[in-house]
């Protein structure tokens, strides 16, 4: 079974395949991860927006080998940050260093591009204007019918006199 983890609204992670999937509108882009980076990202994703101690990483990935773990952890955090930056994900995925404690993956949702917001606003304004015109026309027609009914009534009353 294929596991697909949603990191943000347009970034998905497939840990078994060491892949990140970026959805940009109709376009889909994949980014292959080194197995170690994939393991680290999986730890981060399981603790989104939470501080993860250095010890937790070393225990989970380097099996408590503190000597190898410390240097490798720093090196691979650097690689993950560069990977996010190189693929335009650094605005949504940000690794923050918590001094002397650990790291935190901050996930920020993608923002709708301004041109789409403007387009949506103009459609909404256009629809509102059209509805207003239709209401005015409907009012004018019904008022004109009222005038005809009133004129007919007056003519009928005059003929009765």
C-alpha atoms as a PDB file:
ATOM      1  CA  UNK A   1       0.000   0.000   0.000  1.00  0.00           C
ATOM      2  CA  UNK A   2       1.324   3.413  -1.001  1.00  0.00           C
ATOM      3  CA  UNK A   3       1.512   5.906   1.881  1.00  0.00           C
ATOM      4  CA  UNK A   4       1.169   9.558   0.911  1.00  0.00           C
ATOM      5  CA  UNK A   5       1.546  12.085   3.736  1.00  0.00           C
ATOM      6  CA  UNK A   6       0.232  15.614   3.238  1.00  0.00           C
ATOM      7  CA  UNK A   7       2.801  18.051   4.590  1.00  0.00           C
ATOM      8  CA  UNK A   8       1.028  21.168   3.342  1.00  0.00           C
ATOM      9  CA  UNK A   9      -1.794  21.861   0.895  1.00  0.00           C
ATOM     10  CA  UNK A  10       0.465  21.284  -2.110  1.00  0.00           C
ATOM     11  CA  UNK A  11       3.415  19.256  -0.775  1.00  0.00           C
ATOM     12  CA  UNK A  12       3.124  15.506  -0.222  1.00  0.00           C
ATOM     13  CA  UNK A  13       5.660  12.984   1.055  1.00  0.00           C
ATOM     14  CA  UNK A  14       5.975   9.320   0.058  1.00  0.00           C
ATOM     15  CA  UNK A  15       8.370   7.855   2.657  1.00  0.00           C
ATOM     16  CA  UNK A  16       8.644   4.345   1.155  1.00  0.00           C
ATOM     17  CA  UNK A  17       9.636   5.824  -2.197  1.00  0.00           C
ATOM     18  CA  UNK A  18      11.822   8.627  -0.781  1.00  0.00           C
ATOM     19  CA  UNK A  19       9.814  11.174  -2.780  1.00  0.00           C
ATOM     20  CA  UNK A  20       8.379  14.620  -2.286  1.00  0.00           C
ATOM     21  CA  UNK A  21       5.527  15.610  -4.590  1.00  0.00           C
ATOM     22  CA  UNK A  22       4.838  19.272  -5.305  1.00  0.00           C
ATOM     23  CA  UNK A  23       1.533  20.219  -6.870  1.00  0.00           C
ATOM     24  CA  UNK A  24       1.648  23.606  -8.566  1.00  0.00           C
ATOM     25  CA  UNK A  25      -1.757  24.105 -10.150  1.00  0.00           C
ATOM     26  CA  UNK A  26      -2.090  21.389 -12.796  1.00  0.00           C
ATOM     27  CA  UNK A  27       1.657  20.737 -12.747  1.00  0.00           C
ATOM     28  CA  UNK A  28       3.098  17.955 -10.579  1.00  0.00           C
ATOM     29  CA  UNK A  29       6.797  17.785  -9.783  1.00  0.00           C
ATOM     30  CA  UNK A  30       8.646  15.060  -7.871  1.00  0.00           C
ATOM     31  CA  UNK A  31      11.836  15.432  -5.860  1.00  0.00           C
ATOM     32  CA  UNK A  32      13.875  12.319  -5.043  1.00  0.00           C
ATOM     33  CA  UNK A  33      15.333  12.236  -1.520  1.00  0.00           C
ATOM     34  CA  UNK A  34      18.383  10.410  -0.221  1.00  0.00           C
ATOM     35  CA  UNK A  35      17.198   7.608   2.109  1.00  0.00           C
ATOM     36  CA  UNK A  36      18.669   9.314   5.189  1.00  0.00           C
ATOM     37  CA  UNK A  37      16.973  12.627   4.333  1.00  0.00           C
ATOM     38  CA  UNK A  38      13.728  10.739   3.848  1.00  0.00           C
ATOM     39  CA  UNK A  39      14.054   9.207   7.331  1.00  0.00           C
ATOM     40  CA  UNK A  40      14.731  12.639   8.837  1.00  0.00           C
ATOM     41  CA  UNK A  41      11.805  14.194   6.996  1.00  0.00           C
ATOM     42  CA  UNK A  42       9.558  11.406   8.248  1.00  0.00           C
ATOM     43  CA  UNK A  43      10.549  12.248  11.842  1.00  0.00           C
ATOM     44  CA  UNK A  44       9.847  15.930  11.161  1.00  0.00           C
ATOM     45  CA  UNK A  45       6.489  15.230   9.500  1.00  0.00           C
ATOM     46  CA  UNK A  46       5.393  13.068  12.424  1.00  0.00           C
ATOM     47  CA  UNK A  47       6.105  16.042  14.720  1.00  0.00           C
ATOM     48  CA  UNK A  48       5.036  18.994  12.520  1.00  0.00           C
ATOM     49  CA  UNK A  49       5.554  22.399  14.159  1.00  0.00           C
ATOM     50  CA  UNK A  50       7.021  20.743  17.281  1.00  0.00           C
ATOM     51  CA  UNK A  51      10.555  20.875  18.599  1.00  0.00           C
ATOM     52  CA  UNK A  52      12.387  17.567  18.156  1.00  0.00           C
ATOM     53  CA  UNK A  53      15.443  17.023  20.313  1.00  0.00           C
ATOM     54  CA  UNK A  54      18.776  16.184  18.786  1.00  0.00           C
ATOM     55  CA  UNK A  55      18.773  13.060  20.948  1.00  0.00           C
ATOM     56  CA  UNK A  56      15.487  11.918  19.404  1.00  0.00           C
ATOM     57  CA  UNK A  57      16.952  12.190  15.893  1.00  0.00           C
ATOM     58  CA  UNK A  58      20.148  10.406  16.907  1.00  0.00           C
ATOM     59  CA  UNK A  59      18.174   7.624  18.583  1.00  0.00           C
ATOM     60  CA  UNK A  60      15.704   7.213  15.700  1.00  0.00           C
ATOM     61  CA  UNK A  61      18.131   7.440  12.783  1.00  0.00           C
ATOM     62  CA  UNK A  62      21.646   6.667  14.048  1.00  0.00           C
ATOM     63  CA  UNK A  63      20.640   4.142  16.732  1.00  0.00           C
ATOM     64  CA  UNK A  64      22.121   6.156  19.636  1.00  0.00           C
ATOM     65  CA  UNK A  65      25.558   6.543  18.011  1.00  0.00           C
ATOM     66  CA  UNK A  66      26.111  10.030  19.475  1.00  0.00           C
ATOM     67  CA  UNK A  67      29.537  10.552  17.874  1.00  0.00           C
ATOM     68  CA  UNK A  68      28.365   9.834  14.317  1.00  0.00           C
ATOM     69  CA  UNK A  69      24.903  11.256  14.976  1.00  0.00           C
ATOM     70  CA  UNK A  70      25.836  14.835  15.999  1.00  0.00           C
ATOM     71  CA  UNK A  71      27.915  15.592  12.899  1.00  0.00           C
ATOM     72  CA  UNK A  72      25.607  13.695  10.549  1.00  0.00           C
ATOM     73  CA  UNK A  73      22.544  15.424  11.992  1.00  0.00           C
ATOM     74  CA  UNK A  74      23.949  18.913  11.349  1.00  0.00           C
ATOM     75  CA  UNK A  75      25.075  17.918   7.828  1.00  0.00           C
ATOM     76  CA  UNK A  76      21.688  16.439   6.892  1.00  0.00           C
ATOM     77  CA  UNK A  77      19.697  19.333   8.366  1.00  0.00           C
ATOM     78  CA  UNK A  78      21.792  21.531   6.073  1.00  0.00           C
ATOM     79  CA  UNK A  79      21.020  19.243   3.106  1.00  0.00           C
ATOM     80  CA  UNK A  80      17.263  19.282   3.835  1.00  0.00           C
ATOM     81  CA  UNK A  81      17.240  23.090   4.051  1.00  0.00           C
ATOM     82  CA  UNK A  82      19.095  23.318   0.730  1.00  0.00           C
ATOM     83  CA  UNK A  83      16.712  20.808  -0.859  1.00  0.00           C
ATOM     84  CA  UNK A  84      13.705  22.889   0.264  1.00  0.00           C
ATOM     85  CA  UNK A  85      15.313  26.064  -1.049  1.00  0.00           C
ATOM     86  CA  UNK A  86      16.432  24.582  -4.387  1.00  0.00           C
ATOM     87  CA  UNK A  87      12.902  23.327  -5.065  1.00  0.00           C
ATOM     88  CA  UNK A  88      11.006  26.452  -4.005  1.00  0.00           C
ATOM     89  CA  UNK A  89       9.590  24.892  -0.845  1.00  0.00           C
ATOM     90  CA  UNK A  90      11.483  27.077   1.626  1.00  0.00           C
ATOM     91  CA  UNK A  91       8.532  29.494   2.013  1.00  0.00           C
ATOM     92  CA  UNK A  92       6.336  26.595   3.176  1.00  0.00           C
ATOM     93  CA  UNK A  93       8.809  24.256   4.870  1.00  0.00           C
ATOM     94  CA  UNK A  94      11.222  25.902   7.267  1.00  0.00           C
ATOM     95  CA  UNK A  95      13.603  24.067   9.601  1.00  0.00           C
ATOM     96  CA  UNK A  96      14.263  26.176  12.680  1.00  0.00           C
ATOM     97  CA  UNK A  97      17.174  25.493  14.993  1.00  0.00           C
ATOM     98  CA  UNK A  98      16.269  25.569  18.680  1.00  0.00           C
ATOM     99  CA  UNK A  99      19.681  26.344  20.209  1.00  0.00           C
ATOM    100  CA  UNK A 100      21.166  23.525  22.325  1.00  0.00           C
ATOM    101  CA  UNK A 101      17.896  21.567  22.118  1.00  0.00           C
ATOM    102  CA  UNK A 102      16.955  20.468  18.620  1.00  0.00           C
ATOM    103  CA  UNK A 103      15.042  21.413  15.494  1.00  0.00           C
ATOM    104  CA  UNK A 104      11.526  22.244  14.439  1.00  0.00           C
ATOM    105  CA  UNK A 105       9.883  21.902  11.017  1.00  0.00           C
ATOM    106  CA  UNK A 106       7.525  24.837  10.594  1.00  0.00           C
ATOM    107  CA  UNK A 107       4.895  24.260   7.929  1.00  0.00           C
ATOM    108  CA  UNK A 108       3.357  27.355   6.380  1.00  0.00           C
ATOM    109  CA  UNK A 109       0.415  26.950   4.000  1.00  0.00           C
ATOM    110  CA  UNK A 110       0.845  28.047   0.389  1.00  0.00           C
ATOM    111  CA  UNK A 111      -0.695  31.396  -0.377  1.00  0.00           C
ATOM    112  CA  UNK A 112      -2.989  31.887  -3.349  1.00  0.00           C
ATOM    113  CA  UNK A 113      -1.160  33.992  -5.938  1.00  0.00           C
ATOM    114  CA  UNK A 114      -2.457  37.578  -6.041  1.00  0.00           C
ATOM    115  CA  UNK A 115      -3.509  37.342  -9.698  1.00  0.00           C
ATOM    116  CA  UNK A 116      -5.937  34.526  -8.745  1.00  0.00           C
ATOM    117  CA  UNK A 117      -7.349  36.559  -5.850  1.00  0.00           C
ATOM    118  CA  UNK A 118      -7.836  39.578  -8.137  1.00  0.00           C
ATOM    119  CA  UNK A 119      -9.496  37.366 -10.754  1.00  0.00           C
ATOM    120  CA  UNK A 120     -11.850  35.909  -8.133  1.00  0.00           C
ATOM    121  CA  UNK A 121     -12.706  39.390  -6.830  1.00  0.00           C
ATOM    122  CA  UNK A 122     -13.440  40.699 -10.322  1.00  0.00           C
ATOM    123  CA  UNK A 123     -15.710  37.702 -11.007  1.00  0.00           C
ATOM    124  CA  UNK A 124     -17.523  38.336  -7.726  1.00  0.00           C
ATOM    125  CA  UNK A 125     -17.944  42.043  -8.505  1.00  0.00           C
ATOM    126  CA  UNK A 126     -19.114  41.258 -12.034  1.00  0.00           C
ATOM    127  CA  UNK A 127     -21.661  38.770 -10.728  1.00  0.00           C
ATOM    128  CA  UNK A 128     -22.906  41.269  -8.134  1.00  0.00           C
ATOM    129  CA  UNK A 129     -23.250  43.983 -10.792  1.00  0.00           C
ATOM    130  CA  UNK A 130     -25.185  41.631 -13.079  1.00  0.00           C
ATOM    131  CA  UNK A 131     -27.553  40.679 -10.252  1.00  0.00           C
ATOM    132  CA  UNK A 132     -28.114  44.352  -9.436  1.00  0.00           C
ATOM    133  CA  UNK A 133     -28.958  45.130 -13.086  1.00  0.00           C
ATOM    134  CA  UNK A 134     -31.376  42.180 -13.239  1.00  0.00           C
ATOM    135  CA  UNK A 135     -33.090  43.317 -10.031  1.00  0.00           C
ATOM    136  CA  UNK A 136     -33.405  46.868 -11.360  1.00  0.00           C
ATOM    137  CA  UNK A 137     -34.881  45.616 -14.660  1.00  0.00           C
ATOM    138  CA  UNK A 138     -37.306  43.389 -12.792  1.00  0.00           C
ATOM    139  CA  UNK A 139     -38.364  46.324 -10.598  1.00  0.00           C
ATOM    140  CA  UNK A 140     -38.772  48.596 -13.627  1.00  0.00           C
ATOM    141  CA  UNK A 141     -40.893  46.020 -15.470  1.00  0.00           C
ATOM    142  CA  UNK A 142     -43.102  45.370 -12.454  1.00  0.00           C
ATOM    143  CA  UNK A 143     -43.462  49.151 -11.870  1.00  0.00           C
ATOM    144  CA  UNK A 144     -44.400  49.628 -15.556  1.00  0.00           C
ATOM    145  CA  UNK A 145     -47.043  46.896 -15.214  1.00  0.00           C
ATOM    146  CA  UNK A 146     -48.392  48.669 -12.115  1.00  0.00           C
ATOM    147  CA  UNK A 147     -48.658  51.911 -14.132  1.00  0.00           C
ATOM    148  CA  UNK A 148     -50.524  50.069 -16.932  1.00  0.00           C
ATOM    149  CA  UNK A 149     -52.893  48.455 -14.431  1.00  0.00           C
ATOM    150  CA  UNK A 150     -53.502  51.825 -12.750  1.00  0.00           C
ATOM    151  CA  UNK A 151     -54.075  53.597 -16.114  1.00  0.00           C
ATOM    152  CA  UNK A 152     -56.486  50.860 -17.199  1.00  0.00           C
ATOM    153  CA  UNK A 153     -58.331  51.168 -13.902  1.00  0.00           C
ATOM    154  CA  UNK A 154     -58.666  54.940 -14.269  1.00  0.00           C
ATOM    155  CA  UNK A 155     -59.920  54.608 -17.862  1.00  0.00           C
ATOM    156  CA  UNK A 156     -62.417  51.957 -16.754  1.00  0.00           C
ATOM    157  CA  UNK A 157     -63.648  54.141 -13.902  1.00  0.00           C
ATOM    158  CA  UNK A 158     -64.033  57.135 -16.243  1.00  0.00           C
ATOM    159  CA  UNK A 159     -66.056  55.107 -18.705  1.00  0.00           C
ATOM    160  CA  UNK A 160     -68.365  53.982 -15.911  1.00  0.00           C
ATOM    161  CA  UNK A 161     -69.158  57.563 -14.945  1.00  0.00           C
END
